[in-house]
Amino acid sequence: MNDEAGIYARESTYLDRYVQFGAAQGRVLSVTFPNAPDDEAAADHELLDRIEDYLSGVEDDFADVTVALTVPTDRRGVLEAVREIPYGEQVGVAQLLRMTPDMDPDDDEDVRTARTALADNPAPLLIPDHRVRDGPSAAPAEVEQRLRSVEGL
């Protein structure tokens, strides 16, 4: 990914909305799915090309894309574990907690932390919360279902 800062968006007919992300210093800051892009959004970016390919069925885990995680440490651990879920596979929240260092699926506070991290995920799709079958997603419900469908989940 280039180091150019900005907002990038492209319409996805598959999602029936735009995919938009903000980037700075070679890192993605956020991913959203608006009905209309920001006025200053540019449509030309290599990551948008990859997302478009992904949505048309090309397998991509986006593991090489750096996401700037400015979230509390415990939530960061959960989101980093989500990135380890392979394309086309899904886990439950309990399994996700077992994958996350220092988290316990039997601890109610850890379960709340994981669910909050998923719901507040700054970069759904790149941090594939749609692969957590019984957790919330930061993407709109229709988008989450389409992402699950792309991967056969």
C-alpha atoms as a PDB file:
ATOM      1  CA  MET A   1       0.000   0.000   0.000  1.00  0.00           C
ATOM      2  CA  ASN A   2       1.327   3.435  -0.826  1.00  0.00           C
ATOM      3  CA  ASP A   3       2.106   6.022   1.845  1.00  0.00           C
ATOM      4  CA  GLU A   4      -0.308   8.595   0.472  1.00  0.00           C
ATOM      5  CA  ALA A   5      -2.866   9.811   2.998  1.00  0.00           C
ATOM      6  CA  GLY A   6      -6.466  10.198   2.026  1.00  0.00           C
ATOM      7  CA  ILE A   7      -9.950   8.798   1.764  1.00  0.00           C
ATOM      8  CA  TYR A   8     -10.679   6.254  -0.936  1.00  0.00           C
ATOM      9  CA  ALA A   9     -14.019   4.834  -2.012  1.00  0.00           C
ATOM     10  CA  ARG A  10     -15.482   2.758  -4.785  1.00  0.00           C
ATOM     11  CA  GLU A  11     -19.004   1.583  -5.431  1.00  0.00           C
ATOM     12  CA  SER A  12     -19.596  -2.147  -5.083  1.00  0.00           C
ATOM     13  CA  THR A  13     -22.555  -3.534  -6.987  1.00  0.00           C
ATOM     14  CA  TYR A  14     -22.195  -6.744  -4.963  1.00  0.00           C
ATOM     15  CA  LEU A  15     -22.604  -4.888  -1.661  1.00  0.00           C
ATOM     16  CA  ASP A  16     -25.042  -2.357  -3.125  1.00  0.00           C
ATOM     17  CA  ARG A  17     -23.072   0.433  -1.440  1.00  0.00           C
ATOM     18  CA  TYR A  18     -19.594   1.909  -1.372  1.00  0.00           C
ATOM     19  CA  VAL A  19     -16.488   0.523   0.261  1.00  0.00           C
ATOM     20  CA  GLN A  20     -14.563   3.423   1.765  1.00  0.00           C
ATOM     21  CA  PHE A  21     -11.367   3.570   3.758  1.00  0.00           C
ATOM     22  CA  GLY A  22      -9.106   6.188   5.230  1.00  0.00           C
ATOM     23  CA  ALA A  23      -5.350   5.724   5.080  1.00  0.00           C
ATOM     24  CA  ALA A  24      -2.258   7.529   6.338  1.00  0.00           C
ATOM     25  CA  GLN A  25       1.420   6.601   6.448  1.00  0.00           C
ATOM     26  CA  GLY A  26       0.798   3.295   4.684  1.00  0.00           C
ATOM     27  CA  ARG A  27      -1.821   2.177   7.222  1.00  0.00           C
ATOM     28  CA  VAL A  28      -5.570   1.820   6.973  1.00  0.00           C
ATOM     29  CA  LEU A  29      -7.301   3.842   9.678  1.00  0.00           C
ATOM     30  CA  SER A  30     -10.882   2.772   9.035  1.00  0.00           C
ATOM     31  CA  VAL A  31     -13.163   0.890   6.653  1.00  0.00           C
ATOM     32  CA  THR A  32     -16.821   1.833   6.212  1.00  0.00           C
ATOM     33  CA  PHE A  33     -19.649   0.951   3.853  1.00  0.00           C
ATOM     34  CA  PRO A  34     -21.566   4.178   3.156  1.00  0.00           C
ATOM     35  CA  ASN A  35     -24.406   4.622   0.684  1.00  0.00           C
ATOM     36  CA  ALA A  36     -22.512   7.599  -0.758  1.00  0.00           C
ATOM     37  CA  PRO A  37     -18.788   8.315  -0.496  1.00  0.00           C
ATOM     38  CA  ASP A  38     -17.209  11.349   1.127  1.00  0.00           C
ATOM     39  CA  ASP A  39     -16.932  14.231  -1.337  1.00  0.00           C
ATOM     40  CA  GLU A  40     -13.133  14.158  -1.228  1.00  0.00           C
ATOM     41  CA  ALA A  41     -12.832  10.370  -1.674  1.00  0.00           C
ATOM     42  CA  ALA A  42     -10.680   9.146  -4.555  1.00  0.00           C
ATOM     43  CA  ALA A  43     -11.720   6.021  -6.473  1.00  0.00           C
ATOM     44  CA  ASP A  44      -8.269   4.868  -7.565  1.00  0.00           C
ATOM     45  CA  HIS A  45      -6.262   2.785  -5.084  1.00  0.00           C
ATOM     46  CA  GLU A  46      -4.653  -0.649  -5.253  1.00  0.00           C
ATOM     47  CA  LEU A  47      -6.482  -1.750  -2.091  1.00  0.00           C
ATOM     48  CA  LEU A  48      -9.832  -0.901  -3.689  1.00  0.00           C
ATOM     49  CA  ASP A  49      -8.802  -3.084  -6.649  1.00  0.00           C
ATOM     50  CA  ARG A  50      -8.045  -5.963  -4.274  1.00  0.00           C
ATOM     51  CA  ILE A  51     -11.329  -5.495  -2.394  1.00  0.00           C
ATOM     52  CA  GLU A  52     -13.211  -5.491  -5.686  1.00  0.00           C
ATOM     53  CA  ASP A  53     -11.471  -8.738  -6.669  1.00  0.00           C
ATOM     54  CA  TYR A  54     -12.234 -10.247  -3.244  1.00  0.00           C
ATOM     55  CA  LEU A  55     -15.916  -9.368  -3.588  1.00  0.00           C
ATOM     56  CA  SER A  56     -15.964 -11.106  -6.972  1.00  0.00           C
ATOM     57  CA  GLY A  57     -14.620 -14.319  -5.418  1.00  0.00           C
ATOM     58  CA  VAL A  58     -10.821 -13.993  -5.492  1.00  0.00           C
ATOM     59  CA  GLU A  59      -9.436 -15.335  -2.204  1.00  0.00           C
ATOM     60  CA  ASP A  60      -7.544 -12.664  -0.245  1.00  0.00           C
ATOM     61  CA  ASP A  61      -6.935 -12.459   3.490  1.00  0.00           C
ATOM     62  CA  PHE A  62      -5.477  -8.917   3.359  1.00  0.00           C
ATOM     63  CA  ALA A  63      -2.857 -10.052   5.911  1.00  0.00           C
ATOM     64  CA  ASP A  64      -0.244  -7.775   4.331  1.00  0.00           C
ATOM     65  CA  VAL A  65      -2.405  -4.668   4.805  1.00  0.00           C
ATOM     66  CA  THR A  66      -1.401  -2.738   7.915  1.00  0.00           C
ATOM     67  CA  VAL A  67      -4.344  -1.549   9.987  1.00  0.00           C
ATOM     68  CA  ALA A  68      -3.715   1.197  12.540  1.00  0.00           C
ATOM     69  CA  LEU A  69      -5.364  -0.148  15.687  1.00  0.00           C
ATOM     70  CA  THR A  70      -5.891   2.731  18.061  1.00  0.00           C
ATOM     71  CA  VAL A  71      -7.949   0.717  20.538  1.00  0.00           C
ATOM     72  CA  PRO A  72      -7.298  -0.429  24.130  1.00  0.00           C
ATOM     73  CA  THR A  73      -4.751  -3.247  24.429  1.00  0.00           C
ATOM     74  CA  ASP A  74      -7.257  -5.952  25.412  1.00  0.00           C
ATOM     75  CA  ARG A  75      -9.445  -5.144  22.385  1.00  0.00           C
ATOM     76  CA  ARG A  76      -6.365  -4.990  20.153  1.00  0.00           C
ATOM     77  CA  GLY A  77      -5.506  -8.564  21.141  1.00  0.00           C
ATOM     78  CA  VAL A  78      -8.981  -9.726  20.141  1.00  0.00           C
ATOM     79  CA  LEU A  79      -8.851  -7.926  16.781  1.00  0.00           C
ATOM     80  CA  GLU A  80      -5.356  -9.257  16.064  1.00  0.00           C
ATOM     81  CA  ALA A  81      -6.668 -12.779  16.744  1.00  0.00           C
ATOM     82  CA  VAL A  82      -9.565 -12.155  14.323  1.00  0.00           C
ATOM     83  CA  ARG A  83      -6.999 -11.457  11.596  1.00  0.00           C
ATOM     84  CA  GLU A  84      -5.639 -14.981  12.164  1.00  0.00           C
ATOM     85  CA  ILE A  85      -8.946 -16.654  11.203  1.00  0.00           C
ATOM     86  CA  PRO A  86      -8.297 -18.108   7.745  1.00  0.00           C
ATOM     87  CA  TYR A  87     -10.324 -17.131   4.682  1.00  0.00           C
ATOM     88  CA  GLY A  88     -13.430 -19.304   4.393  1.00  0.00           C
ATOM     89  CA  GLU A  89     -13.383 -20.415   8.036  1.00  0.00           C
ATOM     90  CA  GLN A  90     -15.376 -19.213  11.004  1.00  0.00           C
ATOM     91  CA  VAL A  91     -15.077 -19.412  14.770  1.00  0.00           C
ATOM     92  CA  GLY A  92     -17.321 -18.623  17.697  1.00  0.00           C
ATOM     93  CA  VAL A  93     -16.571 -15.973  20.311  1.00  0.00           C
ATOM     94  CA  ALA A  94     -15.405 -18.667  22.771  1.00  0.00           C
ATOM     95  CA  GLN A  95     -12.903 -20.051  20.262  1.00  0.00           C
ATOM     96  CA  LEU A  96     -11.756 -16.509  19.420  1.00  0.00           C
ATOM     97  CA  LEU A  97     -11.065 -15.910  23.114  1.00  0.00           C
ATOM     98  CA  ARG A  98      -9.029 -19.134  23.267  1.00  0.00           C
ATOM     99  CA  MET A  99      -6.990 -17.772  20.315  1.00  0.00           C
ATOM    100  CA  THR A 100      -6.399 -14.441  22.105  1.00  0.00           C
ATOM    101  CA  PRO A 101      -3.523 -14.261  24.620  1.00  0.00           C
ATOM    102  CA  ASP A 102      -4.587 -13.635  28.226  1.00  0.00           C
ATOM    103  CA  MET A 103      -8.311 -14.047  27.466  1.00  0.00           C
ATOM    104  CA  ASP A 104     -10.625 -16.679  28.945  1.00  0.00           C
ATOM    105  CA  PRO A 105     -13.884 -17.758  27.257  1.00  0.00           C
ATOM    106  CA  ASP A 106     -15.322 -18.541  30.712  1.00  0.00           C
ATOM    107  CA  ASP A 107     -14.705 -15.013  32.014  1.00  0.00           C
ATOM    108  CA  ASP A 108     -17.748 -12.785  31.470  1.00  0.00           C
ATOM    109  CA  GLU A 109     -15.602  -9.634  31.348  1.00  0.00           C
ATOM    110  CA  ASP A 110     -13.393 -11.136  28.623  1.00  0.00           C
ATOM    111  CA  VAL A 111     -16.496 -12.122  26.632  1.00  0.00           C
ATOM    112  CA  ARG A 112     -17.807  -8.532  26.942  1.00  0.00           C
ATOM    113  CA  THR A 113     -14.403  -7.174  25.873  1.00  0.00           C
ATOM    114  CA  ALA A 114     -14.355  -9.435  22.802  1.00  0.00           C
ATOM    115  CA  ARG A 115     -17.896  -8.534  21.789  1.00  0.00           C
ATOM    116  CA  THR A 116     -17.131  -4.813  22.241  1.00  0.00           C
ATOM    117  CA  ALA A 117     -13.935  -5.151  20.167  1.00  0.00           C
ATOM    118  CA  LEU A 118     -15.897  -6.818  17.357  1.00  0.00           C
ATOM    119  CA  ALA A 119     -18.713  -4.258  17.450  1.00  0.00           C
ATOM    120  CA  ASP A 120     -16.217  -1.356  17.424  1.00  0.00           C
ATOM    121  CA  ASN A 121     -13.863  -2.913  14.836  1.00  0.00           C
ATOM    122  CA  PRO A 122     -12.410   0.062  12.914  1.00  0.00           C
ATOM    123  CA  ALA A 123     -11.729  -1.942   9.737  1.00  0.00           C
ATOM    124  CA  PRO A 124     -14.307  -4.653   9.051  1.00  0.00           C
ATOM    125  CA  LEU A 125     -13.376  -6.815   6.067  1.00  0.00           C
ATOM    126  CA  LEU A 126      -9.643  -6.233   6.672  1.00  0.00           C
ATOM    127  CA  ILE A 127     -10.182  -7.390  10.254  1.00  0.00           C
ATOM    128  CA  PRO A 128     -12.708 -10.050   9.221  1.00  0.00           C
ATOM    129  CA  ASP A 129     -15.239  -9.956  12.061  1.00  0.00           C
ATOM    130  CA  HIS A 130     -17.703 -11.603   9.655  1.00  0.00           C
ATOM    131  CA  ARG A 131     -15.768 -14.838  10.358  1.00  0.00           C
ATOM    132  CA  VAL A 132     -16.934 -14.787  14.008  1.00  0.00           C
ATOM    133  CA  ARG A 133     -20.297 -16.507  13.668  1.00  0.00           C
ATOM    134  CA  ASP A 134     -21.873 -15.557  17.009  1.00  0.00           C
ATOM    135  CA  GLY A 135     -20.304 -12.145  17.524  1.00  0.00           C
ATOM    136  CA  PRO A 136     -21.319  -8.680  16.423  1.00  0.00           C
ATOM    137  CA  SER A 137     -19.799  -7.089  13.342  1.00  0.00           C
ATOM    138  CA  ALA A 138     -18.922  -3.449  12.841  1.00  0.00           C
ATOM    139  CA  ALA A 139     -20.198  -3.771   9.267  1.00  0.00           C
ATOM    140  CA  PRO A 140     -23.891  -3.257   8.522  1.00  0.00           C
ATOM    141  CA  ALA A 141     -25.826  -6.556   8.759  1.00  0.00           C
ATOM    142  CA  GLU A 142     -26.404  -6.743   4.976  1.00  0.00           C
ATOM    143  CA  VAL A 143     -22.690  -6.223   4.315  1.00  0.00           C
ATOM    144  CA  GLU A 144     -21.719  -8.812   6.928  1.00  0.00           C
ATOM    145  CA  GLN A 145     -23.993 -11.381   5.263  1.00  0.00           C
ATOM    146  CA  ARG A 146     -22.564 -10.608   1.814  1.00  0.00           C
ATOM    147  CA  LEU A 147     -18.992 -10.976   3.130  1.00  0.00           C
ATOM    148  CA  ARG A 148     -19.935 -14.313   4.704  1.00  0.00           C
ATOM    149  CA  SER A 149     -21.479 -15.371   1.404  1.00  0.00           C
ATOM    150  CA  VAL A 150     -18.330 -14.473  -0.565  1.00  0.00           C
ATOM    151  CA  GLU A 151     -16.378 -16.878   1.653  1.00  0.00           C
ATOM    152  CA  GLY A 152     -19.050 -19.589   1.699  1.00  0.00           C
ATOM    153  CA  LEU A 153     -19.791 -19.146   5.412  1.00  0.00           C
END
